């Protein structure tokens, strides 16, 4: 088993945990963290599968670097929206969500 495949497998596990967190958790801050975990898993899969004979391909690395920048901006926007929702309603959950 190559190191790229191990990274891709670890990324798939992180992505699965992130999907489960987004689907199962009602708390918005934890949902944002789960979404970030899902993105990190996708980045790890992309970089892990982009290696050919232990030489990294620069194009997927550039895509992942761009994706990280976009993910940071999206996380900042999501946190600002959650903060505004909390200021308006006093809750950290969406009104339609059922708490368990």
PDB file of N, CA and C in Angstrom:
ATOM      1  N   UNK A   1       0.836  -1.175   0.000  1.00  0.00           N
ATOM      2  CA  UNK A   1       0.000   0.000   0.000  1.00  0.00           C
ATOM      3  C   UNK A   1       0.886   1.245   0.000  1.00  0.00           C
ATOM      4  N   UNK A   2       0.602   2.153  -0.919  1.00  0.00           N
ATOM      5  CA  UNK A   2       1.412   3.358  -1.010  1.00  0.00           C
ATOM      6  C   UNK A   2       0.944   4.394   0.003  1.00  0.00           C
ATOM      7  N   UNK A   3       1.787   5.382   0.235  1.00  0.00           N
ATOM      8  CA  UNK A   3       1.437   6.430   1.200  1.00  0.00           C
ATOM      9  C   UNK A   3       0.276   7.279   0.686  1.00  0.00           C
ATOM     10  N   UNK A   4       0.199   7.478  -0.620  1.00  0.00           N
ATOM     11  CA  UNK A   4      -0.914   8.231  -1.181  1.00  0.00           C
ATOM     12  C   UNK A   4      -2.245   7.555  -0.922  1.00  0.00           C
ATOM     13  N   UNK A   5      -2.259   6.220  -1.024  1.00  0.00           N
ATOM     14  CA  UNK A   5      -3.491   5.486  -0.754  1.00  0.00           C
ATOM     15  C   UNK A   5      -3.874   5.566   0.725  1.00  0.00           C
ATOM     16  N   UNK A   6      -2.891   5.539   1.604  1.00  0.00           N
ATOM     17  CA  UNK A   6      -3.164   5.670   3.044  1.00  0.00           C
ATOM     18  C   UNK A   6      -3.756   7.044   3.341  1.00  0.00           C
ATOM     19  N   UNK A   7      -3.198   8.085   2.722  1.00  0.00           N
ATOM     20  CA  UNK A   7      -3.747   9.430   2.904  1.00  0.00           C
ATOM     21  C   UNK A   7      -5.169   9.517   2.364  1.00  0.00           C
ATOM     22  N   UNK A   8      -5.407   8.912   1.205  1.00  0.00           N
ATOM     23  CA  UNK A   8      -6.748   8.931   0.621  1.00  0.00           C
ATOM     24  C   UNK A   8      -7.738   8.180   1.499  1.00  0.00           C
ATOM     25  N   UNK A   9      -7.313   7.075   2.078  1.00  0.00           N
ATOM     26  CA  UNK A   9      -8.185   6.304   2.972  1.00  0.00           C
ATOM     27  C   UNK A   9      -8.501   7.089   4.242  1.00  0.00           C
ATOM     28  N   UNK A  10      -7.488   7.747   4.809  1.00  0.00           N
ATOM     29  CA  UNK A  10      -7.723   8.583   5.988  1.00  0.00           C
ATOM     30  C   UNK A  10      -8.647   9.752   5.643  1.00  0.00           C
ATOM     31  N   UNK A  11      -8.503  10.316   4.452  1.00  0.00           N
ATOM     32  CA  UNK A  11      -9.385  11.391   4.014  1.00  0.00           C
ATOM     33  C   UNK A  11     -10.817  10.916   3.852  1.00  0.00           C
ATOM     34  N   UNK A  12     -10.995   9.693   3.364  1.00  0.00           N
ATOM     35  CA  UNK A  12     -12.342   9.145   3.218  1.00  0.00           C
ATOM     36  C   UNK A  12     -13.002   8.946   4.584  1.00  0.00           C
ATOM     37  N   UNK A  13     -12.215   8.531   5.570  1.00  0.00           N
ATOM     38  CA  UNK A  13     -12.745   8.375   6.925  1.00  0.00           C
ATOM     39  C   UNK A  13     -13.145   9.734   7.498  1.00  0.00           C
ATOM     40  N   UNK A  14     -12.291  10.749   7.322  1.00  0.00           N
ATOM     41  CA  UNK A  14     -12.624  12.099   7.791  1.00  0.00           C
ATOM     42  C   UNK A  14     -13.860  12.636   7.092  1.00  0.00           C
ATOM     43  N   UNK A  15     -13.966  12.406   5.799  1.00  0.00           N
ATOM     44  CA  UNK A  15     -15.135  12.864   5.060  1.00  0.00           C
ATOM     45  C   UNK A  15     -16.400  12.199   5.580  1.00  0.00           C
ATOM     46  N   UNK A  16     -16.336  10.899   5.850  1.00  0.00           N
ATOM     47  CA  UNK A  16     -17.496  10.175   6.377  1.00  0.00           C
ATOM     48  C   UNK A  16     -17.905  10.699   7.749  1.00  0.00           C
ATOM     49  N   UNK A  17     -16.925  10.962   8.601  1.00  0.00           N
ATOM     50  CA  UNK A  17     -17.242  11.526   9.925  1.00  0.00           C
ATOM     51  C   UNK A  17     -17.875  12.904   9.799  1.00  0.00           C
ATOM     52  N   UNK A  18     -17.392  13.699   8.852  1.00  0.00           N
ATOM     53  CA  UNK A  18     -17.965  15.018   8.634  1.00  0.00           C
ATOM     54  C   UNK A  18     -19.398  14.951   8.138  1.00  0.00           C
ATOM     55  N   UNK A  19     -19.668  14.032   7.215  1.00  0.00           N
ATOM     56  CA  UNK A  19     -21.041  13.871   6.714  1.00  0.00           C
ATOM     57  C   UNK A  19     -21.968  13.451   7.845  1.00  0.00           C
ATOM     58  N   UNK A  20     -21.518  12.508   8.667  1.00  0.00           N
ATOM     59  CA  UNK A  20     -22.339  12.068   9.797  1.00  0.00           C
ATOM     60  C   UNK A  20     -22.591  13.218  10.764  1.00  0.00           C
ATOM     61  N   UNK A  21     -21.598  14.052  10.996  1.00  0.00           N
ATOM     62  CA  UNK A  21     -21.774  15.193  11.884  1.00  0.00           C
ATOM     63  C   UNK A  21     -22.739  16.216  11.333  1.00  0.00           C
ATOM     64  N   UNK A  22     -22.663  16.488  10.037  1.00  0.00           N
ATOM     65  CA  UNK A  22     -23.574  17.467   9.426  1.00  0.00           C
ATOM     66  C   UNK A  22     -25.015  16.955   9.484  1.00  0.00           C
ATOM     67  N   UNK A  23     -25.196  15.666   9.262  1.00  0.00           N
ATOM     68  CA  UNK A  23     -26.545  15.110   9.228  1.00  0.00           C
ATOM     69  C   UNK A  23     -27.126  14.936  10.630  1.00  0.00           C
ATOM     70  N   UNK A  24     -26.324  14.518  11.583  1.00  0.00           N
ATOM     71  CA  UNK A  24     -26.854  14.122  12.882  1.00  0.00           C
ATOM     72  C   UNK A  24     -26.845  15.211  13.949  1.00  0.00           C
ATOM     73  N   UNK A  25     -26.045  16.242  13.791  1.00  0.00           N
ATOM     74  CA  UNK A  25     -25.891  17.242  14.850  1.00  0.00           C
ATOM     75  C   UNK A  25     -26.763  18.451  14.535  1.00  0.00           C
ATOM     76  N   UNK A  26     -27.508  18.933  15.530  1.00  0.00           N
ATOM     77  CA  UNK A  26     -28.370  20.079  15.341  1.00  0.00           C
ATOM     78  C   UNK A  26     -27.732  21.401  15.720  1.00  0.00           C
ATOM     79  N   UNK A  27     -26.725  21.382  16.563  1.00  0.00           N
ATOM     80  CA  UNK A  27     -26.048  22.598  17.017  1.00  0.00           C
ATOM     81  C   UNK A  27     -25.254  23.180  15.856  1.00  0.00           C
ATOM     82  N   UNK A  28     -25.476  24.455  15.547  1.00  0.00           N
ATOM     83  CA  UNK A  28     -24.903  25.027  14.329  1.00  0.00           C
ATOM     84  C   UNK A  28     -23.384  25.148  14.357  1.00  0.00           C
ATOM     85  N   UNK A  29     -22.803  25.483  15.496  1.00  0.00           N
ATOM     86  CA  UNK A  29     -21.337  25.581  15.549  1.00  0.00           C
ATOM     87  C   UNK A  29     -20.687  24.218  15.324  1.00  0.00           C
ATOM     88  N   UNK A  30     -21.273  23.198  15.908  1.00  0.00           N
ATOM     89  CA  UNK A  30     -20.730  21.845  15.696  1.00  0.00           C
ATOM     90  C   UNK A  30     -20.952  21.395  14.264  1.00  0.00           C
ATOM     91  N   UNK A  31     -22.052  21.832  13.671  1.00  0.00           N
ATOM     92  CA  UNK A  31     -22.318  21.504  12.278  1.00  0.00           C
ATOM     93  C   UNK A  31     -21.289  22.163  11.362  1.00  0.00           C
ATOM     94  N   UNK A  32     -20.906  23.386  11.671  1.00  0.00           N
ATOM     95  CA  UNK A  32     -19.867  24.072  10.887  1.00  0.00           C
ATOM     96  C   UNK A  32     -18.535  23.346  11.030  1.00  0.00           C
ATOM     97  N   UNK A  33     -18.211  22.921  12.245  1.00  0.00           N
ATOM     98  CA  UNK A  33     -16.974  22.153  12.444  1.00  0.00           C
ATOM     99  C   UNK A  33     -17.001  20.837  11.672  1.00  0.00           C
ATOM    100  N   UNK A  34     -18.155  20.166  11.664  1.00  0.00           N
ATOM    101  CA  UNK A  34     -18.282  18.916  10.914  1.00  0.00           C
ATOM    102  C   UNK A  34     -18.134  19.164   9.417  1.00  0.00           C
ATOM    103  N   UNK A  35     -18.668  20.283   8.941  1.00  0.00           N
ATOM    104  CA  UNK A  35     -18.532  20.629   7.530  1.00  0.00           C
ATOM    105  C   UNK A  35     -17.071  20.895   7.176  1.00  0.00           C
ATOM    106  N   UNK A  36     -16.334  21.540   8.076  1.00  0.00           N
ATOM    107  CA  UNK A  36     -14.901  21.762   7.856  1.00  0.00           C
ATOM    108  C   UNK A  36     -14.131  20.447   7.865  1.00  0.00           C
ATOM    109  N   UNK A  37     -14.525  19.526   8.728  1.00  0.00           N
ATOM    110  CA  UNK A  37     -13.900  18.203   8.753  1.00  0.00           C
ATOM    111  C   UNK A  37     -14.153  17.467   7.443  1.00  0.00           C
ATOM    112  N   UNK A  38     -15.355  17.612   6.923  1.00  0.00           N
ATOM    113  CA  UNK A  38     -15.693  17.002   5.647  1.00  0.00           C
ATOM    114  C   UNK A  38     -14.824  17.587   4.520  1.00  0.00           C
ATOM    115  N   UNK A  39     -14.634  18.893   4.523  1.00  0.00           N
ATOM    116  CA  UNK A  39     -13.787  19.519   3.518  1.00  0.00           C
ATOM    117  C   UNK A  39     -12.337  19.091   3.627  1.00  0.00           C
ATOM    118  N   UNK A  40     -11.849  18.975   4.849  1.00  0.00           N
ATOM    119  CA  UNK A  40     -10.465  18.524   5.043  1.00  0.00           C
ATOM    120  C   UNK A  40     -10.277  17.099   4.541  1.00  0.00           C
ATOM    121  N   UNK A  41     -11.270  16.272   4.750  1.00  0.00           N
ATOM    122  CA  UNK A  41     -11.205  14.905   4.232  1.00  0.00           C
ATOM    123  C   UNK A  41     -11.167  14.882   2.716  1.00  0.00           C
ATOM    124  N   UNK A  42     -11.968  15.734   2.091  1.00  0.00           N
ATOM    125  CA  UNK A  42     -11.969  15.796   0.625  1.00  0.00           C
ATOM    126  C   UNK A  42     -10.619  16.287   0.097  1.00  0.00           C
ATOM    127  N   UNK A  43     -10.035  17.264   0.777  1.00  0.00           N
ATOM    128  CA  UNK A  43      -8.712  17.751   0.364  1.00  0.00           C
ATOM    129  C   UNK A  43      -7.668  16.646   0.498  1.00  0.00           C
ATOM    130  N   UNK A  44      -7.741  15.887   1.581  1.00  0.00           N
ATOM    131  CA  UNK A  44      -6.771  14.819   1.809  1.00  0.00           C
ATOM    132  C   UNK A  44      -6.914  13.713   0.768  1.00  0.00           C
ATOM    133  N   UNK A  45      -8.144  13.393   0.395  1.00  0.00           N
ATOM    134  CA  UNK A  45      -8.361  12.395  -0.657  1.00  0.00           C
ATOM    135  C   UNK A  45      -7.782  12.887  -1.981  1.00  0.00           C
ATOM    136  N   UNK A  46      -8.032  14.140  -2.305  1.00  0.00           N
ATOM    137  CA  UNK A  46      -7.545  14.689  -3.569  1.00  0.00           C
ATOM    138  C   UNK A  46      -6.019  14.677  -3.638  1.00  0.00           C
ATOM    139  N   UNK A  47      -5.369  15.075  -2.570  1.00  0.00           N
ATOM    140  CA  UNK A  47      -3.904  15.090  -2.558  1.00  0.00           C
ATOM    141  C   UNK A  47      -3.350  13.666  -2.524  1.00  0.00           C
ATOM    142  N   UNK A  48      -4.007  12.787  -1.765  1.00  0.00           N
ATOM    143  CA  UNK A  48      -3.522  11.416  -1.665  1.00  0.00           C
ATOM    144  C   UNK A  48      -3.594  10.659  -2.977  1.00  0.00           C
ATOM    145  N   UNK A  49      -4.656  10.890  -3.730  1.00  0.00           N
ATOM    146  CA  UNK A  49      -4.808  10.164  -4.995  1.00  0.00           C
ATOM    147  C   UNK A  49      -4.059  10.815  -6.148  1.00  0.00           C
ATOM    148  N   UNK A  50      -3.515  12.002  -5.951  1.00  0.00           N
ATOM    149  CA  UNK A  50      -2.820  12.716  -7.015  1.00  0.00           C
ATOM    150  C   UNK A  50      -1.349  12.348  -7.127  1.00  0.00           C
ATOM    151  N   UNK A  51      -0.868  11.432  -6.317  1.00  0.00           N
ATOM    152  CA  UNK A  51       0.547  11.065  -6.373  1.00  0.00           C
ATOM    153  C   UNK A  51       0.752   9.945  -7.373  1.00  0.00           C
ATOM    154  N   UNK A  52       1.749  10.095  -8.204  1.00  0.00           N
ATOM    155  CA  UNK A  52       2.132   9.061  -9.169  1.00  0.00           C
ATOM    156  C   UNK A  52       3.582   8.688  -8.910  1.00  0.00           C
ATOM    157  N   UNK A  53       3.838   7.448  -8.568  1.00  0.00           N
ATOM    158  CA  UNK A  53       5.178   6.939  -8.261  1.00  0.00           C
ATOM    159  C   UNK A  53       5.886   7.823  -7.245  1.00  0.00           C
ATOM    160  N   UNK A  54       5.168   8.156  -6.175  1.00  0.00           N
ATOM    161  CA  UNK A  54       5.669   8.960  -5.054  1.00  0.00           C
ATOM    162  C   UNK A  54       6.126  10.359  -5.471  1.00  0.00           C
ATOM    163  N   UNK A  55       5.588  10.874  -6.563  1.00  0.00           N
ATOM    164  CA  UNK A  55       5.836  12.245  -6.986  1.00  0.00           C
ATOM    165  C   UNK A  55       4.488  12.957  -7.010  1.00  0.00           C
ATOM    166  N   UNK A  56       4.403  14.054  -6.288  1.00  0.00           N
ATOM    167  CA  UNK A  56       3.142  14.773  -6.177  1.00  0.00           C
ATOM    168  C   UNK A  56       2.860  15.573  -7.448  1.00  0.00           C
ATOM    169  N   UNK A  57       1.603  15.566  -7.871  1.00  0.00           N
ATOM    170  CA  UNK A  57       1.169  16.361  -9.016  1.00  0.00           C
ATOM    171  C   UNK A  57       0.847  17.773  -8.521  1.00  0.00           C
ATOM    172  N   UNK A  58       1.406  18.810  -9.137  1.00  0.00           N
ATOM    173  CA  UNK A  58       1.195  20.167  -8.618  1.00  0.00           C
ATOM    174  C   UNK A  58      -0.206  20.731  -8.857  1.00  0.00           C
ATOM    175  N   UNK A  59      -0.939  20.237  -9.851  1.00  0.00           N
ATOM    176  CA  UNK A  59      -2.265  20.790 -10.145  1.00  0.00           C
ATOM    177  C   UNK A  59      -3.257  20.510  -9.020  1.00  0.00           C
ATOM    178  N   UNK A  60      -3.394  19.259  -8.536  1.00  0.00           N
ATOM    179  CA  UNK A  60      -4.296  19.042  -7.402  1.00  0.00           C
ATOM    180  C   UNK A  60      -3.843  19.775  -6.132  1.00  0.00           C
ATOM    181  N   UNK A  61      -2.541  19.940  -5.967  1.00  0.00           N
ATOM    182  CA  UNK A  61      -2.068  20.691  -4.810  1.00  0.00           C
ATOM    183  C   UNK A  61      -2.508  22.145  -4.892  1.00  0.00           C
ATOM    184  N   UNK A  62      -2.463  22.729  -6.081  1.00  0.00           N
ATOM    185  CA  UNK A  62      -2.928  24.103  -6.254  1.00  0.00           C
ATOM    186  C   UNK A  62      -4.436  24.204  -6.030  1.00  0.00           C
ATOM    187  N   UNK A  63      -5.171  23.180  -6.487  1.00  0.00           N
ATOM    188  CA  UNK A  63      -6.621  23.169  -6.269  1.00  0.00           C
ATOM    189  C   UNK A  63      -6.954  23.077  -4.783  1.00  0.00           C
ATOM    190  N   UNK A  64      -6.209  22.256  -4.060  1.00  0.00           N
ATOM    191  CA  UNK A  64      -6.440  22.115  -2.623  1.00  0.00           C
ATOM    192  C   UNK A  64      -6.089  23.407  -1.896  1.00  0.00           C
ATOM    193  N   UNK A  65      -5.004  24.044  -2.276  1.00  0.00           N
ATOM    194  CA  UNK A  65      -4.629  25.313  -1.658  1.00  0.00           C
ATOM    195  C   UNK A  65      -5.709  26.371  -1.881  1.00  0.00           C
ATOM    196  N   UNK A  66      -6.240  26.441  -3.094  1.00  0.00           N
ATOM    197  CA  UNK A  66      -7.340  27.358  -3.380  1.00  0.00           C
ATOM    198  C   UNK A  66      -8.580  26.983  -2.591  1.00  0.00           C
ATOM    199  N   UNK A  67      -8.846  25.691  -2.470  1.00  0.00           N
ATOM    200  CA  UNK A  67      -9.999  25.222  -1.697  1.00  0.00           C
ATOM    201  C   UNK A  67      -9.883  25.561  -0.220  1.00  0.00           C
ATOM    202  N   UNK A  68      -8.686  25.525   0.304  1.00  0.00           N
ATOM    203  CA  UNK A  68      -8.484  25.879   1.710  1.00  0.00           C
ATOM    204  C   UNK A  68      -8.798  27.357   1.931  1.00  0.00           C
ATOM    205  N   UNK A  69      -8.365  28.195   1.015  1.00  0.00           N
ATOM    206  CA  UNK A  69      -8.653  29.632   1.133  1.00  0.00           C
ATOM    207  C   UNK A  69     -10.157  29.877   1.069  1.00  0.00           C
ATOM    208  N   UNK A  70     -10.837  29.223   0.142  1.00  0.00           N
ATOM    209  CA  UNK A  70     -12.287  29.376   0.022  1.00  0.00           C
ATOM    210  C   UNK A  70     -12.987  28.825   1.263  1.00  0.00           C
ATOM    211  N   UNK A  71     -12.500  27.717   1.805  1.00  0.00           N
ATOM    212  CA  UNK A  71     -13.113  27.131   3.005  1.00  0.00           C
ATOM    213  C   UNK A  71     -12.976  28.056   4.214  1.00  0.00           C
ATOM    214  N   UNK A  72     -11.845  28.727   4.338  1.00  0.00           N
ATOM    215  CA  UNK A  72     -11.671  29.670   5.440  1.00  0.00           C
ATOM    216  C   UNK A  72     -12.648  30.833   5.304  1.00  0.00           C
ATOM    217  N   UNK A  73     -12.813  31.344   4.089  1.00  0.00           N
ATOM    218  CA  UNK A  73     -13.755  32.443   3.870  1.00  0.00           C
ATOM    219  C   UNK A  73     -15.193  32.001   4.121  1.00  0.00           C
ATOM    220  N   UNK A  74     -15.544  30.797   3.677  1.00  0.00           N
ATOM    221  CA  UNK A  74     -16.895  30.285   3.901  1.00  0.00           C
ATOM    222  C   UNK A  74     -17.154  30.035   5.383  1.00  0.00           C
ATOM    223  N   UNK A  75     -16.148  29.574   6.101  1.00  0.00           N
ATOM    224  CA  UNK A  75     -16.295  29.366   7.541  1.00  0.00           C
ATOM    225  C   UNK A  75     -16.503  30.691   8.261  1.00  0.00           C
ATOM    226  N   UNK A  76     -15.766  31.718   7.864  1.00  0.00           N
ATOM    227  CA  UNK A  76     -15.942  33.038   8.468  1.00  0.00           C
ATOM    228  C   UNK A  76     -17.352  33.562   8.222  1.00  0.00           C
ATOM    229  N   UNK A  77     -17.860  33.381   7.007  1.00  0.00           N
ATOM    230  CA  UNK A  77     -19.220  33.812   6.692  1.00  0.00           C
ATOM    231  C   UNK A  77     -20.246  33.032   7.504  1.00  0.00           C
ATOM    232  N   UNK A  78     -20.062  31.711   7.603  1.00  0.00           N
ATOM    233  CA  UNK A  78     -20.998  30.883   8.369  1.00  0.00           C
ATOM    234  C   UNK A  78     -20.996  31.273   9.845  1.00  0.00           C
ATOM    235  N   UNK A  79     -19.823  31.539  10.396  1.00  0.00           N
ATOM    236  CA  UNK A  79     -19.760  31.941  11.805  1.00  0.00           C
ATOM    237  C   UNK A  79     -20.410  33.299  12.027  1.00  0.00           C
ATOM    238  N   UNK A  80     -20.253  34.221  11.077  1.00  0.00           N
ATOM    239  CA  UNK A  80     -20.916  35.523  11.197  1.00  0.00           C
ATOM    240  C   UNK A  80     -22.431  35.365  11.142  1.00  0.00           C
ATOM    241  N   UNK A  81     -22.919  34.479  10.276  1.00  0.00           N
ATOM    242  CA  UNK A  81     -24.355  34.254  10.194  1.00  0.00           C
ATOM    243  C   UNK A  81     -24.904  33.590  11.451  1.00  0.00           C
ATOM    244  N   UNK A  82     -24.152  32.653  12.020  1.00  0.00           N
ATOM    245  CA  UNK A  82     -24.585  32.006  13.265  1.00  0.00           C
ATOM    246  C   UNK A  82     -24.608  33.022  14.396  1.00  0.00           C
ATOM    247  N   UNK A  83     -23.619  33.906  14.422  1.00  0.00           N
ATOM    248  CA  UNK A  83     -23.592  34.937  15.463  1.00  0.00           C
ATOM    249  C   UNK A  83     -24.798  35.866  15.333  1.00  0.00           C
ATOM    250  N   UNK A  84     -25.163  36.232  14.109  1.00  0.00           N
ATOM    251  CA  UNK A  84     -26.329  37.088  13.879  1.00  0.00           C
ATOM    252  C   UNK A  84     -27.616  36.357  14.264  1.00  0.00           C
ATOM    253  N   UNK A  85     -27.713  35.075  13.931  1.00  0.00           N
ATOM    254  CA  UNK A  85     -28.879  34.278  14.315  1.00  0.00           C
ATOM    255  C   UNK A  85     -29.010  34.195  15.829  1.00  0.00           C
ATOM    256  N   UNK A  86     -27.880  34.014  16.501  1.00  0.00           N
ATOM    257  CA  UNK A  86     -27.906  33.952  17.958  1.00  0.00           C
ATOM    258  C   UNK A  86     -28.319  35.291  18.567  1.00  0.00           C
ATOM    259  N   UNK A  87     -27.874  36.387  17.964  1.00  0.00           N
ATOM    260  CA  UNK A  87     -28.255  37.704  18.465  1.00  0.00           C
ATOM    261  C   UNK A  87     -29.754  37.961  18.265  1.00  0.00           C
ATOM    262  N   UNK A  88     -30.322  37.443  17.168  1.00  0.00           N
ATOM    263  CA  UNK A  88     -31.736  37.688  16.887  1.00  0.00           C
ATOM    264  C   UNK A  88     -32.673  36.760  17.657  1.00  0.00           C
ATOM    265  N   UNK A  89     -32.308  35.471  17.758  1.00  0.00           N
ATOM    266  CA  UNK A  89     -33.232  34.488  18.341  1.00  0.00           C
ATOM    267  C   UNK A  89     -32.790  33.983  19.705  1.00  0.00           C
ATOM    268  N   UNK A  90     -31.508  34.111  20.021  1.00  0.00           N
ATOM    269  CA  UNK A  90     -31.011  33.578  21.282  1.00  0.00           C
ATOM    270  C   UNK A  90     -30.773  32.082  21.250  1.00  0.00           C
ATOM    271  N   UNK A  91     -30.825  31.470  20.081  1.00  0.00           N
ATOM    272  CA  UNK A  91     -30.622  30.032  19.939  1.00  0.00           C
ATOM    273  C   UNK A  91     -29.442  29.765  18.997  1.00  0.00           C
ATOM    274  N   UNK A  92     -28.851  28.589  19.155  1.00  0.00           N
ATOM    275  CA  UNK A  92     -27.779  28.167  18.240  1.00  0.00           C
ATOM    276  C   UNK A  92     -28.225  26.991  17.394  1.00  0.00           C
ATOM    277  N   UNK A  93     -29.501  26.954  17.091  1.00  0.00           N
ATOM    278  CA  UNK A  93     -30.057  25.909  16.235  1.00  0.00           C
ATOM    279  C   UNK A  93     -31.042  26.532  15.280  1.00  0.00           C
ATOM    280  N   UNK A  94     -31.311  25.838  14.194  1.00  0.00           N
ATOM    281  CA  UNK A  94     -32.281  26.345  13.235  1.00  0.00           C
ATOM    282  C   UNK A  94     -33.695  26.113  13.759  1.00  0.00           C
ATOM    283  N   UNK A  95     -34.635  26.996  13.446  1.00  0.00           N
ATOM    284  CA  UNK A  95     -35.983  26.857  13.987  1.00  0.00           C
ATOM    285  C   UNK A  95     -36.682  25.555  13.581  1.00  0.00           C
ATOM    286  N   UNK A  96     -36.400  25.012  12.408  1.00  0.00           N
ATOM    287  CA  UNK A  96     -37.064  23.801  11.963  1.00  0.00           C
ATOM    288  C   UNK A  96     -36.441  22.518  12.478  1.00  0.00           C
ATOM    289  N   UNK A  97     -35.263  22.583  13.085  1.00  0.00           N
ATOM    290  CA  UNK A  97     -34.582  21.386  13.570  1.00  0.00           C
ATOM    291  C   UNK A  97     -35.240  20.867  14.829  1.00  0.00           C
ATOM    292  N   UNK A  98     -35.278  19.559  14.944  1.00  0.00           N
ATOM    293  CA  UNK A  98     -35.820  18.907  16.141  1.00  0.00           C
ATOM    294  C   UNK A  98     -34.651  18.529  17.026  1.00  0.00           C
ATOM    295  N   UNK A  99     -34.603  19.050  18.238  1.00  0.00           N
ATOM    296  CA  UNK A  99     -33.525  18.698  19.170  1.00  0.00           C
ATOM    297  C   UNK A  99     -33.818  17.356  19.801  1.00  0.00           C
ATOM    298  N   UNK A 100     -32.741  16.592  20.012  1.00  0.00           N
ATOM    299  CA  UNK A 100     -32.912  15.261  20.591  1.00  0.00           C
ATOM    300  C   UNK A 100     -32.513  15.258  22.033  1.00  0.00           C
TER     301      UNK A 100
END
